Amino acid sequence: MKLGAFSVSLNVKDLKTSRAFYEVLGFTVFAGNIDQNYLIMKNDKTLIGLFQDMFQGNILTFNPGWDENANNLDAFEDIRTIQQKLKHAGLPLTTEVDEKSHGPASLMLTDPDGNVILLDQHR
């Protein structure tokens, strides 16, 4: 199963403080908008999303169809195909994709330790 680009989406208390902390670790702002309470930080191929007041806990995020630079991949596994494989494996989904739809969509599931996983396809 090819899940695409991976990032960790962190629920932060103070976006400016978190940005400064991760900049010391060598991350730079890659995308996002501080006025909209989120930034995507990048260090080489590693991505961290910083989100203030947007969700509870932290989320593991995969983006089918994208590489780590948010470039479209020529070949990728559509989220609807991934969803079918997850269901076939017996994994319960928190949210699902309409399998009759096309294009951007997302689904969520939770791992055995309670970690939320978001699969978010943008195209």
PDB file of N, CA and C in Angstrom:
ATOM      1  N   MET A   1       0.851  -1.169   0.000  1.00  0.00           N
ATOM      2  CA  MET A   1       0.000   0.000   0.000  1.00  0.00           C
ATOM      3  C   MET A   1       0.899   1.235   0.000  1.00  0.00           C
ATOM      4  N   LYS A   2       0.688   2.132  -0.935  1.00  0.00           N
ATOM      5  CA  LYS A   2       1.480   3.360  -1.021  1.00  0.00           C
ATOM      6  C   LYS A   2       0.653   4.514  -0.483  1.00  0.00           C
ATOM      7  N   LEU A   3       1.110   5.081   0.633  1.00  0.00           N
ATOM      8  CA  LEU A   3       0.332   6.097   1.333  1.00  0.00           C
ATOM      9  C   LEU A   3       0.748   7.522   0.999  1.00  0.00           C
ATOM     10  N   GLY A   4       1.828   7.722   0.260  1.00  0.00           N
ATOM     11  CA  GLY A   4       2.263   9.063  -0.109  1.00  0.00           C
ATOM     12  C   GLY A   4       3.105   9.730   0.959  1.00  0.00           C
ATOM     13  N   ALA A   5       3.210  11.040   0.874  1.00  0.00           N
ATOM     14  CA  ALA A   5       4.038  11.819   1.797  1.00  0.00           C
ATOM     15  C   ALA A   5       3.558  11.625   3.232  1.00  0.00           C
ATOM     16  N   PHE A   6       4.504  11.626   4.166  1.00  0.00           N
ATOM     17  CA  PHE A   6       4.183  11.442   5.580  1.00  0.00           C
ATOM     18  C   PHE A   6       4.579  12.679   6.366  1.00  0.00           C
ATOM     19  N   SER A   7       3.734  13.060   7.313  1.00  0.00           N
ATOM     20  CA  SER A   7       4.069  14.128   8.254  1.00  0.00           C
ATOM     21  C   SER A   7       3.383  13.846   9.580  1.00  0.00           C
ATOM     22  N   VAL A   8       3.878  14.487  10.602  1.00  0.00           N
ATOM     23  CA  VAL A   8       3.238  14.438  11.909  1.00  0.00           C
ATOM     24  C   VAL A   8       2.561  15.785  12.111  1.00  0.00           C
ATOM     25  N   SER A   9       1.279  15.757  12.415  1.00  0.00           N
ATOM     26  CA  SER A   9       0.520  16.975  12.672  1.00  0.00           C
ATOM     27  C   SER A   9       0.415  17.149  14.182  1.00  0.00           C
ATOM     28  N   LEU A  10       1.061  18.181  14.701  1.00  0.00           N
ATOM     29  CA  LEU A  10       1.123  18.401  16.141  1.00  0.00           C
ATOM     30  C   LEU A  10       0.136  19.468  16.583  1.00  0.00           C
ATOM     31  N   ASN A  11      -0.602  19.173  17.634  1.00  0.00           N
ATOM     32  CA  ASN A  11      -1.475  20.137  18.283  1.00  0.00           C
ATOM     33  C   ASN A  11      -0.593  20.940  19.236  1.00  0.00           C
ATOM     34  N   VAL A  12      -0.360  22.222  18.935  1.00  0.00           N
ATOM     35  CA  VAL A  12       0.554  23.031  19.739  1.00  0.00           C
ATOM     36  C   VAL A  12      -0.210  24.095  20.529  1.00  0.00           C
ATOM     37  N   LYS A  13       0.360  24.467  21.671  1.00  0.00           N
ATOM     38  CA  LYS A  13      -0.257  25.487  22.534  1.00  0.00           C
ATOM     39  C   LYS A  13      -0.016  26.885  22.008  1.00  0.00           C
ATOM     40  N   ASP A  14       1.204  27.133  21.498  1.00  0.00           N
ATOM     41  CA  ASP A  14       1.572  28.456  21.008  1.00  0.00           C
ATOM     42  C   ASP A  14       2.363  28.282  19.715  1.00  0.00           C
ATOM     43  N   LEU A  15       1.766  28.666  18.613  1.00  0.00           N
ATOM     44  CA  LEU A  15       2.351  28.440  17.296  1.00  0.00           C
ATOM     45  C   LEU A  15       3.698  29.145  17.139  1.00  0.00           C
ATOM     46  N   LYS A  16       3.809  30.365  17.608  1.00  0.00           N
ATOM     47  CA  LYS A  16       5.065  31.117  17.468  1.00  0.00           C
ATOM     48  C   LYS A  16       6.192  30.468  18.266  1.00  0.00           C
ATOM     49  N   THR A  17       5.881  30.007  19.470  1.00  0.00           N
ATOM     50  CA  THR A  17       6.883  29.334  20.301  1.00  0.00           C
ATOM     51  C   THR A  17       7.319  28.025  19.658  1.00  0.00           C
ATOM     52  N   SER A  18       6.361  27.263  19.144  1.00  0.00           N
ATOM     53  CA  SER A  18       6.684  25.986  18.495  1.00  0.00           C
ATOM     54  C   SER A  18       7.492  26.212  17.223  1.00  0.00           C
ATOM     55  N   ARG A  19       7.144  27.238  16.465  1.00  0.00           N
ATOM     56  CA  ARG A  19       7.900  27.548  15.253  1.00  0.00           C
ATOM     57  C   ARG A  19       9.359  27.824  15.608  1.00  0.00           C
ATOM     58  N   ALA A  20       9.579  28.662  16.601  1.00  0.00           N
ATOM     59  CA  ALA A  20      10.946  29.002  17.015  1.00  0.00           C
ATOM     60  C   ALA A  20      11.710  27.761  17.467  1.00  0.00           C
ATOM     61  N   PHE A  21      11.048  26.882  18.217  1.00  0.00           N
ATOM     62  CA  PHE A  21      11.681  25.655  18.689  1.00  0.00           C
ATOM     63  C   PHE A  21      12.133  24.787  17.516  1.00  0.00           C
ATOM     64  N   TYR A  22      11.242  24.544  16.561  1.00  0.00           N
ATOM     65  CA  TYR A  22      11.579  23.674  15.441  1.00  0.00           C
ATOM     66  C   TYR A  22      12.572  24.323  14.482  1.00  0.00           C
ATOM     67  N   GLU A  23      12.612  25.655  14.427  1.00  0.00           N
ATOM     68  CA  GLU A  23      13.634  26.327  13.625  1.00  0.00           C
ATOM     69  C   GLU A  23      15.030  26.057  14.202  1.00  0.00           C
ATOM     70  N   VAL A  24      15.151  25.991  15.518  1.00  0.00           N
ATOM     71  CA  VAL A  24      16.432  25.654  16.132  1.00  0.00           C
ATOM     72  C   VAL A  24      16.860  24.243  15.725  1.00  0.00           C
ATOM     73  N   LEU A  25      15.901  23.353  15.516  1.00  0.00           N
ATOM     74  CA  LEU A  25      16.196  21.989  15.082  1.00  0.00           C
ATOM     75  C   LEU A  25      16.467  21.894  13.578  1.00  0.00           C
ATOM     76  N   GLY A  26      16.447  23.022  12.881  1.00  0.00           N
ATOM     77  CA  GLY A  26      16.763  23.032  11.459  1.00  0.00           C
ATOM     78  C   GLY A  26      15.571  23.024  10.524  1.00  0.00           C
ATOM     79  N   PHE A  27      14.371  23.140  11.059  1.00  0.00           N
ATOM     80  CA  PHE A  27      13.170  23.189  10.217  1.00  0.00           C
ATOM     81  C   PHE A  27      12.944  24.614   9.720  1.00  0.00           C
ATOM     82  N   THR A  28      12.378  24.733   8.520  1.00  0.00           N
ATOM     83  CA  THR A  28      11.977  26.024   7.979  1.00  0.00           C
ATOM     84  C   THR A  28      10.507  25.933   7.572  1.00  0.00           C
ATOM     85  N   VAL A  29       9.861  27.076   7.488  1.00  0.00           N
ATOM     86  CA  VAL A  29       8.456  27.105   7.083  1.00  0.00           C
ATOM     87  C   VAL A  29       8.374  26.703   5.608  1.00  0.00           C
ATOM     88  N   PHE A  30       7.562  25.713   5.337  1.00  0.00           N
ATOM     89  CA  PHE A  30       7.374  25.190   3.981  1.00  0.00           C
ATOM     90  C   PHE A  30       6.034  25.637   3.414  1.00  0.00           C
ATOM     91  N   ALA A  31       5.015  25.693   4.266  1.00  0.00           N
ATOM     92  CA  ALA A  31       3.668  26.065   3.826  1.00  0.00           C
ATOM     93  C   ALA A  31       2.871  26.486   5.051  1.00  0.00           C
ATOM     94  N   GLY A  32       1.655  26.911   4.813  1.00  0.00           N
ATOM     95  CA  GLY A  32       0.773  27.303   5.907  1.00  0.00           C
ATOM     96  C   GLY A  32       0.717  28.804   6.084  1.00  0.00           C
ATOM     97  N   ASN A  33      -0.011  29.215   7.127  1.00  0.00           N
ATOM     98  CA  ASN A  33      -0.213  30.629   7.387  1.00  0.00           C
ATOM     99  C   ASN A  33      -0.380  30.820   8.890  1.00  0.00           C
ATOM    100  N   ILE A  34       0.524  31.547   9.492  1.00  0.00           N
ATOM    101  CA  ILE A  34       0.466  31.751  10.939  1.00  0.00           C
ATOM    102  C   ILE A  34      -0.830  32.450  11.351  1.00  0.00           C
ATOM    103  N   ASP A  35      -1.380  33.293  10.468  1.00  0.00           N
ATOM    104  CA  ASP A  35      -2.646  33.977  10.769  1.00  0.00           C
ATOM    105  C   ASP A  35      -3.835  33.016  10.751  1.00  0.00           C
ATOM    106  N   GLN A  36      -3.666  31.854  10.139  1.00  0.00           N
ATOM    107  CA  GLN A  36      -4.711  30.829  10.125  1.00  0.00           C
ATOM    108  C   GLN A  36      -4.397  29.701  11.104  1.00  0.00           C
ATOM    109  N   ASN A  37      -3.434  29.938  11.977  1.00  0.00           N
ATOM    110  CA  ASN A  37      -3.060  29.032  13.076  1.00  0.00           C
ATOM    111  C   ASN A  37      -2.440  27.718  12.646  1.00  0.00           C
ATOM    112  N   TYR A  38      -1.744  27.693  11.509  1.00  0.00           N
ATOM    113  CA  TYR A  38      -1.009  26.476  11.167  1.00  0.00           C
ATOM    114  C   TYR A  38       0.191  26.796  10.283  1.00  0.00           C
ATOM    115  N   LEU A  39       1.239  25.985  10.466  1.00  0.00           N
ATOM    116  CA  LEU A  39       2.434  26.053   9.640  1.00  0.00           C
ATOM    117  C   LEU A  39       2.890  24.633   9.339  1.00  0.00           C
ATOM    118  N   ILE A  40       3.406  24.424   8.155  1.00  0.00           N
ATOM    119  CA  ILE A  40       4.043  23.172   7.805  1.00  0.00           C
ATOM    120  C   ILE A  40       5.537  23.466   7.774  1.00  0.00           C
ATOM    121  N   MET A  41       6.288  22.743   8.600  1.00  0.00           N
ATOM    122  CA  MET A  41       7.726  22.956   8.724  1.00  0.00           C
ATOM    123  C   MET A  41       8.443  21.784   8.047  1.00  0.00           C
ATOM    124  N   LYS A  42       9.607  22.073   7.447  1.00  0.00           N
ATOM    125  CA  LYS A  42      10.327  21.039   6.718  1.00  0.00           C
ATOM    126  C   LYS A  42      11.807  21.085   7.061  1.00  0.00           C
ATOM    127  N   ASN A  43      12.384  19.902   7.207  1.00  0.00           N
ATOM    128  CA  ASN A  43      13.827  19.740   7.386  1.00  0.00           C
ATOM    129  C   ASN A  43      14.220  18.589   6.477  1.00  0.00           C
ATOM    130  N   ASP A  44      14.847  18.895   5.343  1.00  0.00           N
ATOM    131  CA  ASP A  44      15.189  17.907   4.324  1.00  0.00           C
ATOM    132  C   ASP A  44      13.898  17.244   3.840  1.00  0.00           C
ATOM    133  N   LYS A  45      13.690  15.955   4.098  1.00  0.00           N
ATOM    134  CA  LYS A  45      12.477  15.266   3.654  1.00  0.00           C
ATOM    135  C   LYS A  45      11.480  15.074   4.791  1.00  0.00           C
ATOM    136  N   THR A  46      11.783  15.639   5.950  1.00  0.00           N
ATOM    137  CA  THR A  46      10.928  15.469   7.122  1.00  0.00           C
ATOM    138  C   THR A  46       9.955  16.636   7.245  1.00  0.00           C
ATOM    139  N   LEU A  47       8.671  16.314   7.420  1.00  0.00           N
ATOM    140  CA  LEU A  47       7.621  17.324   7.534  1.00  0.00           C
ATOM    141  C   LEU A  47       6.942  17.232   8.899  1.00  0.00           C
ATOM    142  N   ILE A  48       6.704  18.399   9.491  1.00  0.00           N
ATOM    143  CA  ILE A  48       5.937  18.498  10.723  1.00  0.00           C
ATOM    144  C   ILE A  48       4.910  19.606  10.522  1.00  0.00           C
ATOM    145  N   GLY A  49       3.654  19.297  10.788  1.00  0.00           N
ATOM    146  CA  GLY A  49       2.609  20.313  10.758  1.00  0.00           C
ATOM    147  C   GLY A  49       2.380  20.816  12.173  1.00  0.00           C
ATOM    148  N   LEU A  50       2.355  22.122  12.348  1.00  0.00           N
ATOM    149  CA  LEU A  50       2.069  22.732  13.650  1.00  0.00           C
ATOM    150  C   LEU A  50       0.697  23.390  13.562  1.00  0.00           C
ATOM    151  N   PHE A  51      -0.231  22.959  14.424  1.00  0.00           N
ATOM    152  CA  PHE A  51      -1.612  23.422  14.378  1.00  0.00           C
ATOM    153  C   PHE A  51      -2.032  23.891  15.766  1.00  0.00           C
ATOM    154  N   GLN A  52      -2.465  25.129  15.852  1.00  0.00           N
ATOM    155  CA  GLN A  52      -2.917  25.682  17.131  1.00  0.00           C
ATOM    156  C   GLN A  52      -4.437  25.776  17.141  1.00  0.00           C
ATOM    157  N   ASP A  53      -5.058  25.162  18.153  1.00  0.00           N
ATOM    158  CA  ASP A  53      -6.512  25.229  18.358  1.00  0.00           C
ATOM    159  C   ASP A  53      -7.318  24.674  17.181  1.00  0.00           C
ATOM    160  N   MET A  54      -6.821  23.627  16.516  1.00  0.00           N
ATOM    161  CA  MET A  54      -7.543  23.058  15.381  1.00  0.00           C
ATOM    162  C   MET A  54      -8.057  21.650  15.652  1.00  0.00           C
ATOM    163  N   PHE A  55      -7.397  20.897  16.521  1.00  0.00           N
ATOM    164  CA  PHE A  55      -7.822  19.535  16.842  1.00  0.00           C
ATOM    165  C   PHE A  55      -7.179  19.114  18.150  1.00  0.00           C
ATOM    166  N   GLN A  56      -7.666  18.039  18.712  1.00  0.00           N
ATOM    167  CA  GLN A  56      -7.118  17.483  19.947  1.00  0.00           C
ATOM    168  C   GLN A  56      -6.060  16.447  19.608  1.00  0.00           C
ATOM    169  N   GLY A  57      -5.021  16.358  20.411  1.00  0.00           N
ATOM    170  CA  GLY A  57      -4.002  15.332  20.217  1.00  0.00           C
ATOM    171  C   GLY A  57      -3.161  15.574  18.983  1.00  0.00           C
ATOM    172  N   ASN A  58      -2.359  14.590  18.653  1.00  0.00           N
ATOM    173  CA  ASN A  58      -1.492  14.648  17.480  1.00  0.00           C
ATOM    174  C   ASN A  58      -1.980  13.638  16.452  1.00  0.00           C
ATOM    175  N   ILE A  59      -1.639  13.867  15.194  1.00  0.00           N
ATOM    176  CA  ILE A  59      -2.145  13.041  14.104  1.00  0.00           C
ATOM    177  C   ILE A  59      -0.991  12.638  13.187  1.00  0.00           C
ATOM    178  N   LEU A  60      -0.968  11.368  12.805  1.00  0.00           N
ATOM    179  CA  LEU A  60      -0.054  10.910  11.760  1.00  0.00           C
ATOM    180  C   LEU A  60      -0.768  11.152  10.436  1.00  0.00           C
ATOM    181  N   THR A  61      -0.133  11.865   9.520  1.00  0.00           N
ATOM    182  CA  THR A  61      -0.789  12.249   8.269  1.00  0.00           C
ATOM    183  C   THR A  61      -0.052  11.679   7.061  1.00  0.00           C
ATOM    184  N   PHE A  62      -0.820  11.096   6.145  1.00  0.00           N
ATOM    185  CA  PHE A  62      -0.294  10.599   4.882  1.00  0.00           C
ATOM    186  C   PHE A  62      -1.057  11.292   3.762  1.00  0.00           C
ATOM    187  N   ASN A  63      -0.355  11.643   2.689  1.00  0.00           N
ATOM    188  CA  ASN A  63      -0.968  12.319   1.542  1.00  0.00           C
ATOM    189  C   ASN A  63      -0.765  11.513   0.269  1.00  0.00           C
ATOM    190  N   PRO A  64      -1.709  10.598  -0.040  1.00  0.00           N
ATOM    191  CA  PRO A  64      -1.608   9.863  -1.303  1.00  0.00           C
ATOM    192  C   PRO A  64      -1.569  10.840  -2.483  1.00  0.00           C
ATOM    193  N   GLY A  65      -0.662  10.578  -3.416  1.00  0.00           N
ATOM    194  CA  GLY A  65      -0.562  11.425  -4.602  1.00  0.00           C
ATOM    195  C   GLY A  65       0.452  12.540  -4.502  1.00  0.00           C
ATOM    196  N   TRP A  66       1.063  12.722  -3.329  1.00  0.00           N
ATOM    197  CA  TRP A  66       2.061  13.779  -3.133  1.00  0.00           C
ATOM    198  C   TRP A  66       3.376  13.187  -2.684  1.00  0.00           C
ATOM    199  N   ASP A  67       4.482  13.860  -3.038  1.00  0.00           N
ATOM    200  CA  ASP A  67       5.766  13.547  -2.429  1.00  0.00           C
ATOM    201  C   ASP A  67       5.982  14.530  -1.276  1.00  0.00           C
ATOM    202  N   GLU A  68       7.154  14.480  -0.647  1.00  0.00           N
ATOM    203  CA  GLU A  68       7.403  15.317   0.528  1.00  0.00           C
ATOM    204  C   GLU A  68       7.522  16.807   0.216  1.00  0.00           C
ATOM    205  N   ASN A  69       7.523  17.173  -1.077  1.00  0.00           N
ATOM    206  CA  ASN A  69       7.549  18.581  -1.471  1.00  0.00           C
ATOM    207  C   ASN A  69       6.192  19.068  -1.958  1.00  0.00           C
ATOM    208  N   ALA A  70       5.150  18.254  -1.724  1.00  0.00           N
ATOM    209  CA  ALA A  70       3.785  18.541  -2.168  1.00  0.00           C
ATOM    210  C   ALA A  70       3.685  18.579  -3.692  1.00  0.00           C
ATOM    211  N   ASN A  71       4.609  17.869  -4.349  1.00  0.00           N
ATOM    212  CA  ASN A  71       4.537  17.704  -5.801  1.00  0.00           C
ATOM    213  C   ASN A  71       3.648  16.509  -6.110  1.00  0.00           C
ATOM    214  N   ASN A  72       2.862  16.631  -7.160  1.00  0.00           N
ATOM    215  CA  ASN A  72       2.019  15.517  -7.586  1.00  0.00           C
ATOM    216  C   ASN A  72       2.873  14.363  -8.088  1.00  0.00           C
ATOM    217  N   LEU A  73       2.535  13.168  -7.650  1.00  0.00           N
ATOM    218  CA  LEU A  73       3.184  11.961  -8.146  1.00  0.00           C
ATOM    219  C   LEU A  73       2.453  11.489  -9.398  1.00  0.00           C
ATOM    220  N   ASP A  74       3.196  11.062 -10.415  1.00  0.00           N
ATOM    221  CA  ASP A  74       2.568  10.566 -11.641  1.00  0.00           C
ATOM    222  C   ASP A  74       1.702   9.348 -11.355  1.00  0.00           C
ATOM    223  N   ALA A  75       2.241   8.414 -10.621  1.00  0.00           N
ATOM    224  CA  ALA A  75       1.505   7.192 -10.285  1.00  0.00           C
ATOM    225  C   ALA A  75       1.323   7.136  -8.772  1.00  0.00           C
ATOM    226  N   PHE A  76       0.096   6.894  -8.343  1.00  0.00           N
ATOM    227  CA  PHE A  76      -0.172   6.769  -6.916  1.00  0.00           C
ATOM    228  C   PHE A  76      -1.421   5.932  -6.712  1.00  0.00           C
ATOM    229  N   GLU A  77      -1.556   5.424  -5.508  1.00  0.00           N
ATOM    230  CA  GLU A  77      -2.711   4.612  -5.162  1.00  0.00           C
ATOM    231  C   GLU A  77      -3.814   5.535  -4.636  1.00  0.00           C
ATOM    232  N   ASP A  78      -4.940   5.543  -5.307  1.00  0.00           N
ATOM    233  CA  ASP A  78      -6.058   6.403  -4.929  1.00  0.00           C
ATOM    234  C   ASP A  78      -6.582   6.021  -3.540  1.00  0.00           C
ATOM    235  N   ILE A  79      -7.012   7.022  -2.804  1.00  0.00           N
ATOM    236  CA  ILE A  79      -7.492   6.814  -1.443  1.00  0.00           C
ATOM    237  C   ILE A  79      -8.658   5.823  -1.380  1.00  0.00           C
ATOM    238  N   ARG A  80      -9.461   5.743  -2.438  1.00  0.00           N
ATOM    239  CA  ARG A  80     -10.585   4.802  -2.446  1.00  0.00           C
ATOM    240  C   ARG A  80     -10.090   3.357  -2.505  1.00  0.00           C
ATOM    241  N   THR A  81      -9.000   3.137  -3.239  1.00  0.00           N
ATOM    242  CA  THR A  81      -8.382   1.813  -3.290  1.00  0.00           C
ATOM    243  C   THR A  81      -7.775   1.470  -1.939  1.00  0.00           C
ATOM    244  N   ILE A  82      -7.110   2.436  -1.336  1.00  0.00           N
ATOM    245  CA  ILE A  82      -6.537   2.230   0.001  1.00  0.00           C
ATOM    246  C   ILE A  82      -7.641   1.898   0.991  1.00  0.00           C
ATOM    247  N   GLN A  83      -8.746   2.634   0.929  1.00  0.00           N
ATOM    248  CA  GLN A  83      -9.867   2.383   1.835  1.00  0.00           C
ATOM    249  C   GLN A  83     -10.388   0.955   1.685  1.00  0.00           C
ATOM    250  N   GLN A  84     -10.530   0.496   0.453  1.00  0.00           N
ATOM    251  CA  GLN A  84     -11.004  -0.875   0.227  1.00  0.00           C
ATOM    252  C   GLN A  84     -10.054  -1.889   0.861  1.00  0.00           C
ATOM    253  N   LYS A  85      -8.751  -1.662   0.734  1.00  0.00           N
ATOM    254  CA  LYS A  85      -7.764  -2.571   1.322  1.00  0.00           C
ATOM    255  C   LYS A  85      -7.841  -2.560   2.851  1.00  0.00           C
ATOM    256  N   LEU A  86      -8.025  -1.383   3.436  1.00  0.00           N
ATOM    257  CA  LEU A  86      -8.130  -1.276   4.892  1.00  0.00           C
ATOM    258  C   LEU A  86      -9.367  -2.004   5.400  1.00  0.00           C
ATOM    259  N   LYS A  87     -10.479  -1.819   4.706  1.00  0.00           N
ATOM    260  CA  LYS A  87     -11.720  -2.502   5.088  1.00  0.00           C
ATOM    261  C   LYS A  87     -11.576  -4.019   4.933  1.00  0.00           C
ATOM    262  N   HIS A  88     -10.973  -4.433   3.833  1.00  0.00           N
ATOM    263  CA  HIS A  88     -10.777  -5.864   3.589  1.00  0.00           C
ATOM    264  C   HIS A  88      -9.914  -6.494   4.694  1.00  0.00           C
ATOM    265  N   ALA A  89      -8.968  -5.708   5.223  1.00  0.00           N
ATOM    266  CA  ALA A  89      -8.105  -6.178   6.306  1.00  0.00           C
ATOM    267  C   ALA A  89      -8.821  -6.153   7.657  1.00  0.00           C
ATOM    268  N   GLY A  90     -10.042  -5.616   7.673  1.00  0.00           N
ATOM    269  CA  GLY A  90     -10.826  -5.590   8.906  1.00  0.00           C
ATOM    270  C   GLY A  90     -10.533  -4.425   9.825  1.00  0.00           C
ATOM    271  N   LEU A  91      -9.873  -3.386   9.321  1.00  0.00           N
ATOM    272  CA  LEU A  91      -9.577  -2.225  10.157  1.00  0.00           C
ATOM    273  C   LEU A  91     -10.787  -1.287  10.207  1.00  0.00           C
ATOM    274  N   PRO A  92     -11.239  -0.921  11.392  1.00  0.00           N
ATOM    275  CA  PRO A  92     -12.366   0.009  11.488  1.00  0.00           C
ATOM    276  C   PRO A  92     -11.926   1.432  11.135  1.00  0.00           C
ATOM    277  N   LEU A  93     -12.729   2.112  10.340  1.00  0.00           N
ATOM    278  CA  LEU A  93     -12.444   3.489   9.942  1.00  0.00           C
ATOM    279  C   LEU A  93     -13.304   4.446  10.753  1.00  0.00           C
ATOM    280  N   THR A  94     -12.698   5.547  11.167  1.00  0.00           N
ATOM    281  CA  THR A  94     -13.422   6.583  11.902  1.00  0.00           C
ATOM    282  C   THR A  94     -14.263   7.412  10.940  1.00  0.00           C
ATOM    283  N   THR A  95     -13.667   7.762   9.807  1.00  0.00           N
ATOM    284  CA  THR A  95     -14.383   8.437   8.718  1.00  0.00           C
ATOM    285  C   THR A  95     -14.032   7.713   7.427  1.00  0.00           C
ATOM    286  N   GLU A  96     -14.934   7.786   6.455  1.00  0.00           N
ATOM    287  CA  GLU A  96     -14.734   7.080   5.193  1.00  0.00           C
ATOM    288  C   GLU A  96     -14.904   8.006   4.001  1.00  0.00           C
ATOM    289  N   VAL A  97     -14.388   7.543   2.868  1.00  0.00           N
ATOM    290  CA  VAL A  97     -14.521   8.239   1.589  1.00  0.00           C
ATOM    291  C   VAL A  97     -15.718   7.645   0.853  1.00  0.00           C
ATOM    292  N   ASP A  98     -16.481   8.489   0.175  1.00  0.00           N
ATOM    293  CA  ASP A  98     -17.531   7.991  -0.716  1.00  0.00           C
ATOM    294  C   ASP A  98     -16.825   7.321  -1.890  1.00  0.00           C
ATOM    295  N   GLU A  99     -16.952   6.021  -2.000  1.00  0.00           N
ATOM    296  CA  GLU A  99     -16.216   5.278  -3.014  1.00  0.00           C
ATOM    297  C   GLU A  99     -16.689   5.568  -4.434  1.00  0.00           C
ATOM    298  N   LYS A 100     -17.806   6.271  -4.594  1.00  0.00           N
ATOM    299  CA  LYS A 100     -18.286   6.658  -5.918  1.00  0.00           C
ATOM    300  C   LYS A 100     -17.737   8.022  -6.332  1.00  0.00           C
ATOM    301  N   SER A 101     -17.053   8.691  -5.405  1.00  0.00           N
ATOM    302  CA  SER A 101     -16.517  10.025  -5.693  1.00  0.00           C
ATOM    303  C   SER A 101     -15.176   9.914  -6.421  1.00  0.00           C
ATOM    304  N   HIS A 102     -14.654  11.070  -6.840  1.00  0.00           N
ATOM    305  CA  HIS A 102     -13.356  11.154  -7.508  1.00  0.00           C
ATOM    306  C   HIS A 102     -12.606  12.347  -6.930  1.00  0.00           C
ATOM    307  N   GLY A 103     -11.293  12.326  -7.038  1.00  0.00           N
ATOM    308  CA  GLY A 103     -10.494  13.475  -6.637  1.00  0.00           C
ATOM    309  C   GLY A 103     -10.234  13.549  -5.152  1.00  0.00           C
ATOM    310  N   PRO A 104     -10.090  14.788  -4.622  1.00  0.00           N
ATOM    311  CA  PRO A 104      -9.710  14.983  -3.229  1.00  0.00           C
ATOM    312  C   PRO A 104     -10.686  14.307  -2.264  1.00  0.00           C
ATOM    313  N   ALA A 105     -10.105  13.699  -1.222  1.00  0.00           N
ATOM    314  CA  ALA A 105     -10.914  13.034  -0.197  1.00  0.00           C
ATOM    315  C   ALA A 105     -10.005  12.662   0.962  1.00  0.00           C
ATOM    316  N   SER A 106     -10.624  12.351   2.099  1.00  0.00           N
ATOM    317  CA  SER A 106      -9.838  11.936   3.256  1.00  0.00           C
ATOM    318  C   SER A 106     -10.588  10.875   4.048  1.00  0.00           C
ATOM    319  N   LEU A 107      -9.811  10.117   4.817  1.00  0.00           N
ATOM    320  CA  LEU A 107     -10.380   9.146   5.737  1.00  0.00           C
ATOM    321  C   LEU A 107      -9.518   9.138   6.993  1.00  0.00           C
ATOM    322  N   MET A 108     -10.097   8.622   8.073  1.00  0.00           N
ATOM    323  CA  MET A 108      -9.360   8.550   9.331  1.00  0.00           C
ATOM    324  C   MET A 108      -9.568   7.190   9.968  1.00  0.00           C
ATOM    325  N   LEU A 109      -8.545   6.766  10.692  1.00  0.00           N
ATOM    326  CA  LEU A 109      -8.616   5.565  11.505  1.00  0.00           C
ATOM    327  C   LEU A 109      -7.727   5.770  12.718  1.00  0.00           C
ATOM    328  N   THR A 110      -7.828   4.871  13.661  1.00  0.00           N
ATOM    329  CA  THR A 110      -7.055   4.971  14.897  1.00  0.00           C
ATOM    330  C   THR A 110      -6.273   3.679  15.075  1.00  0.00           C
ATOM    331  N   ASP A 111      -4.988   3.811  15.424  1.00  0.00           N
ATOM    332  CA  ASP A 111      -4.184   2.607  15.619  1.00  0.00           C
ATOM    333  C   ASP A 111      -4.487   1.989  16.987  1.00  0.00           C
ATOM    334  N   PRO A 112      -3.962   0.810  17.277  1.00  0.00           N
ATOM    335  CA  PRO A 112      -4.296   0.118  18.525  1.00  0.00           C
ATOM    336  C   PRO A 112      -3.936   0.888  19.798  1.00  0.00           C
ATOM    337  N   ASP A 113      -3.034   1.881  19.684  1.00  0.00           N
ATOM    338  CA  ASP A 113      -2.643   2.669  20.852  1.00  0.00           C
ATOM    339  C   ASP A 113      -3.375   4.004  20.945  1.00  0.00           C
ATOM    340  N   GLY A 114      -4.371   4.201  20.087  1.00  0.00           N
ATOM    341  CA  GLY A 114      -5.169   5.419  20.146  1.00  0.00           C
ATOM    342  C   GLY A 114      -4.643   6.567  19.312  1.00  0.00           C
ATOM    343  N   ASN A 115      -3.600   6.345  18.500  1.00  0.00           N
ATOM    344  CA  ASN A 115      -3.066   7.394  17.638  1.00  0.00           C
ATOM    345  C   ASN A 115      -3.955   7.548  16.406  1.00  0.00           C
ATOM    346  N   VAL A 116      -4.325   8.780  16.133  1.00  0.00           N
ATOM    347  CA  VAL A 116      -5.179   9.070  14.982  1.00  0.00           C
ATOM    348  C   VAL A 116      -4.319   9.117  13.727  1.00  0.00           C
ATOM    349  N   ILE A 117      -4.815   8.489  12.663  1.00  0.00           N
ATOM    350  CA  ILE A 117      -4.140   8.491  11.364  1.00  0.00           C
ATOM    351  C   ILE A 117      -5.091   9.110  10.356  1.00  0.00           C
ATOM    352  N   LEU A 118      -4.596  10.119   9.645  1.00  0.00           N
ATOM    353  CA  LEU A 118      -5.347  10.810   8.606  1.00  0.00           C
ATOM    354  C   LEU A 118      -4.711  10.507   7.259  1.00  0.00           C
ATOM    355  N   LEU A 119      -5.511  10.019   6.319  1.00  0.00           N
ATOM    356  CA  LEU A 119      -5.095   9.895   4.936  1.00  0.00           C
ATOM    357  C   LEU A 119      -5.833  10.989   4.182  1.00  0.00           C
ATOM    358  N   ASP A 120      -5.085  11.940   3.626  1.00  0.00           N
ATOM    359  CA  ASP A 120      -5.661  13.147   3.047  1.00  0.00           C
ATOM    360  C   ASP A 120      -5.139  13.324   1.629  1.00  0.00           C
ATOM    361  N   GLN A 121      -5.974  12.974   0.659  1.00  0.00           N
ATOM    362  CA  GLN A 121      -5.606  13.070  -0.755  1.00  0.00           C
ATOM    363  C   GLN A 121      -6.101  14.399  -1.300  1.00  0.00           C
ATOM    364  N   HIS A 122      -5.196  15.173  -1.884  1.00  0.00           N
ATOM    365  CA  HIS A 122      -5.522  16.524  -2.353  1.00  0.00           C
ATOM    366  C   HIS A 122      -5.861  16.623  -3.831  1.00  0.00           C
ATOM    367  N   ARG A 123      -5.815  15.491  -4.545  1.00  0.00           N
ATOM    368  CA  ARG A 123      -6.127  15.573  -5.986  1.00  0.00           C
ATOM    369  C   ARG A 123      -6.854  14.342  -6.459  1.00  0.00           C
TER     370      ARG A 123
END
